[in-house]
Amino acid sequence: MTIGPYGSGGEDRAQLRVSSLDRDRAIDLLQGAFSFGRMTKEEYDSRSARALEAQTFADLDTLVVDLPAAGPPYPGTAQQPGAWAYPGRVVPTNALAITSMVCGIVQFFGPWLLATIPAIVCGHIARRQIRQTGEQGAGMALAGLILGWAGAALTVIFVLVIVIVVIAASSHSPTTP
C-alpha cells in the first residue's frame, strides 16, 4: 500500500504512471525541503535526479514521503492555487503584480508615461510568473495591465487631440499681406 503524498492508499494508484507535471511537483517539494535545510545538497541532487526518472507514483512516493506536509492534495480536494509548492505556508503574492497595480493607479495622479509603461511591463511579467509559480496576485496583475493600457490609450487620444487642435489653429490663422 502506498502511503506517500501522491497515493490515495491503494495499490492501483501506486502503479499508475506519472506525468511531467507530477515529476515537477515532486521536485518543487524537494526544493522546498532543501531550502528549509531538511536535506543536504547531495541528497537533493540525488532525489531530484531520481524524480526525473520516476515512472510511477510509487517511485515518487519514496522520494517525498519523509518530508513534512509533502505532496499535493488528493484528487478532488479543494486547495489554494499553488499551495502544494509552499506546504504549510500562506502562498505569497507576486511582487510584480503589486507593482503593476500600483503603477496603474499612480499614472492617473502624476506623469503618465512614468507609471504607464512599468504598469504594462510588470503586469505581463507578473502574469507569466504567476502561471509558472502558482503565486497569488493574478487579479492585481490584470488590473495593472488594464489600467496601464487605459492610460496609454488616454495618452494617445490626448496627443491626437492636441495635434488636431494645433493643425486646425494653424490652418485658420490669418495671413499677413
Protein backbone atom coordinates (compact mmCIF):
# COMPACT_ATOMS: atom_id res chain seq x y z
CA MET A 1 0.00 0.00 0.00
CA THR A 2 1.33 3.43 -0.89
CA ILE A 3 1.40 5.98 1.89
CA GLY A 4 3.12 8.83 0.12
CA PRO A 5 1.59 12.18 -0.73
CA TYR A 6 0.74 11.11 -4.27
CA GLY A 7 -1.04 7.91 -3.37
CA SER A 8 -4.65 7.52 -2.31
CA GLY A 9 -3.98 4.48 -0.19
CA GLY A 10 -4.46 1.79 -2.84
CA GLU A 11 -2.08 -0.39 -4.78
CA ASP A 12 -3.74 0.66 -8.06
CA ARG A 13 -2.78 4.31 -7.59
CA ALA A 14 0.83 3.48 -6.69
CA GLN A 15 1.36 1.71 -10.01
CA LEU A 16 -0.11 4.47 -12.19
CA ARG A 17 2.36 6.21 -14.46
CA VAL A 18 3.27 9.79 -13.59
CA SER A 19 3.25 12.82 -15.84
CA SER A 20 5.87 15.53 -16.23
CA LEU A 21 3.73 17.76 -14.02
CA ASP A 22 3.81 15.14 -11.24
CA ARG A 23 7.60 14.97 -11.51
CA ASP A 24 7.82 18.78 -11.41
CA ARG A 25 5.67 18.88 -8.28
CA ALA A 26 7.89 16.35 -6.57
CA ILE A 27 10.98 18.38 -7.47
CA ASP A 28 9.28 21.53 -6.14
CA LEU A 29 8.67 19.74 -2.84
CA LEU A 30 12.29 18.66 -2.75
CA GLN A 31 13.42 22.23 -3.44
CA GLY A 32 11.28 23.47 -0.57
CA ALA A 33 12.71 20.86 1.80
CA PHE A 34 16.25 21.71 0.68
CA SER A 35 15.67 25.44 1.17
CA PHE A 36 14.41 24.77 4.72
CA GLY A 37 17.53 22.73 5.49
CA ARG A 38 15.78 19.38 5.69
CA MET A 39 18.28 17.72 3.34
CA THR A 40 21.80 18.21 2.07
CA LYS A 41 22.70 19.37 -1.42
CA GLU A 42 23.89 15.88 -2.35
CA GLU A 43 20.63 14.31 -1.15
CA TYR A 44 18.62 16.95 -3.01
CA ASP A 45 20.59 16.32 -6.22
CA SER A 46 20.17 12.56 -5.88
CA ARG A 47 16.43 12.72 -5.18
CA SER A 48 15.85 15.25 -7.99
CA ALA A 49 17.62 13.01 -10.48
CA ARG A 50 15.53 10.04 -9.34
CA ALA A 51 12.34 12.15 -9.59
CA LEU A 52 13.13 12.95 -13.21
CA GLU A 53 13.45 9.21 -13.91
CA ALA A 54 10.35 8.17 -11.91
CA GLN A 55 7.80 6.15 -13.84
CA THR A 56 5.05 5.54 -11.23
CA PHE A 57 3.52 7.30 -8.25
CA ALA A 58 5.20 4.72 -6.01
CA ASP A 59 8.59 5.90 -7.33
CA LEU A 60 7.75 9.50 -6.42
CA ASP A 61 6.32 8.46 -3.03
CA THR A 62 9.66 7.06 -1.95
CA LEU A 63 11.32 10.40 -2.67
CA VAL A 64 9.00 12.70 -0.71
CA VAL A 65 7.22 10.53 1.89
CA ASP A 66 9.64 11.53 4.69
CA LEU A 67 9.12 15.28 4.14
CA PRO A 68 6.63 17.11 6.38
CA ALA A 69 3.43 18.34 4.71
CA ALA A 70 4.63 16.87 1.44
CA GLY A 71 2.55 16.48 -1.64
CA PRO A 72 -0.37 17.94 -3.46
CA PRO A 73 -3.87 17.19 -2.17
CA TYR A 74 -5.68 14.04 -3.16
CA PRO A 75 -7.68 14.39 -6.37
CA GLY A 76 -10.95 16.20 -5.86
CA THR A 77 -9.94 18.21 -2.79
CA ALA A 78 -10.02 21.98 -2.90
CA GLN A 79 -6.82 23.81 -2.20
CA GLN A 80 -5.48 27.28 -2.73
CA PRO A 81 -3.74 27.54 -6.13
CA GLY A 82 -0.05 26.86 -5.86
CA ALA A 83 -0.28 25.80 -2.20
CA TRP A 84 1.48 22.49 -2.96
CA ALA A 85 4.63 24.50 -3.71
CA TYR A 86 4.50 26.19 -0.29
CA PRO A 87 3.35 23.46 2.13
CA GLY A 88 2.17 24.78 5.46
CA ARG A 89 2.63 28.40 4.46
CA VAL A 90 0.50 31.14 3.02
CA VAL A 91 1.03 31.40 -0.73
CA PRO A 92 2.91 34.66 -1.41
CA THR A 93 1.63 37.41 -3.65
CA ASN A 94 3.78 38.18 -6.68
CA ALA A 95 5.65 41.45 -6.11
CA LEU A 96 5.47 42.48 -9.77
CA ALA A 97 1.68 42.10 -9.68
CA ILE A 98 1.54 44.57 -6.80
CA THR A 99 3.93 46.89 -8.63
CA SER A 100 1.81 46.73 -11.79
CA MET A 101 -1.39 47.61 -9.96
CA VAL A 102 0.22 50.46 -8.01
CA CYS A 103 1.76 51.92 -11.19
CA GLY A 104 -1.59 51.58 -12.95
CA ILE A 105 -3.28 53.62 -10.23
CA VAL A 106 -0.47 56.18 -9.80
CA GLN A 107 -0.35 57.03 -13.51
CA PHE A 108 -3.63 58.93 -13.20
CA PHE A 109 -2.20 61.21 -10.49
CA GLY A 110 1.19 62.03 -11.92
CA PRO A 111 3.31 61.96 -15.05
CA TRP A 112 1.55 59.48 -17.30
CA LEU A 113 4.31 57.64 -19.07
CA LEU A 114 6.49 57.32 -15.97
CA ALA A 115 3.97 54.88 -14.49
CA THR A 116 2.11 53.64 -17.60
CA ILE A 117 4.97 51.70 -19.13
CA PRO A 118 6.01 49.96 -15.86
CA ALA A 119 2.35 49.04 -15.21
CA ILE A 120 2.15 47.27 -18.56
CA VAL A 121 5.58 45.62 -18.46
CA CYS A 122 5.30 44.48 -14.83
CA GLY A 123 1.77 43.20 -15.44
CA HIS A 124 2.83 40.98 -18.33
CA ILE A 125 5.87 39.63 -16.46
CA ALA A 126 3.82 39.05 -13.30
CA ARG A 127 1.15 37.08 -15.16
CA ARG A 128 3.84 34.81 -16.65
CA GLN A 129 5.49 34.29 -13.25
CA ILE A 130 2.14 33.57 -11.59
CA ARG A 131 1.36 30.89 -14.18
CA GLN A 132 4.75 29.29 -13.52
CA THR A 133 4.92 29.51 -9.73
CA GLY A 134 1.28 29.46 -8.61
CA GLU A 135 1.71 32.62 -6.57
CA GLN A 136 -1.21 34.89 -5.74
CA GLY A 137 -1.81 38.22 -7.49
CA ALA A 138 -3.31 37.32 -10.86
CA GLY A 139 -6.11 39.86 -10.33
CA MET A 140 -3.66 42.60 -9.36
CA ALA A 141 -1.53 41.92 -12.43
CA LEU A 142 -4.62 42.03 -14.65
CA ALA A 143 -5.81 45.27 -13.01
CA GLY A 144 -2.37 46.81 -13.55
CA LEU A 145 -2.43 45.75 -17.19
CA ILE A 146 -5.91 47.14 -17.80
CA LEU A 147 -5.10 50.43 -16.07
CA GLY A 148 -1.75 50.65 -17.87
CA TRP A 149 -3.29 50.12 -21.30
CA ALA A 150 -6.13 52.52 -20.46
CA GLY A 151 -3.57 55.14 -19.50
CA ALA A 152 -1.64 54.51 -22.72
CA ALA A 153 -4.84 54.84 -24.77
CA LEU A 154 -5.79 58.07 -23.00
CA THR A 155 -2.30 59.43 -23.62
CA VAL A 156 -2.55 58.64 -27.34
CA ILE A 157 -6.00 60.25 -27.53
CA PHE A 158 -4.74 63.34 -25.67
CA VAL A 159 -1.76 63.71 -28.03
CA LEU A 160 -4.01 63.27 -31.09
CA VAL A 161 -6.42 65.94 -29.83
CA ILE A 162 -3.52 68.37 -29.26
CA VAL A 163 -2.16 67.67 -32.76
CA ILE A 164 -5.60 68.21 -34.32
CA VAL A 165 -6.10 71.47 -32.40
CA VAL A 166 -2.66 72.75 -33.46
CA ILE A 167 -3.29 71.85 -37.10
CA ALA A 168 -6.74 73.42 -37.03
CA ALA A 169 -5.42 76.58 -35.37
CA SER A 170 -2.59 76.96 -37.87
CA SER A 171 -4.87 76.50 -40.89
CA HIS A 172 -7.34 79.18 -39.69
CA SER A 173 -4.78 81.81 -38.72
CA PRO A 174 -4.92 84.95 -40.80
CA THR A 175 -2.16 85.52 -43.28
CA THR A 176 -0.30 88.81 -43.30
CA PRO A 177 -0.26 90.77 -46.61
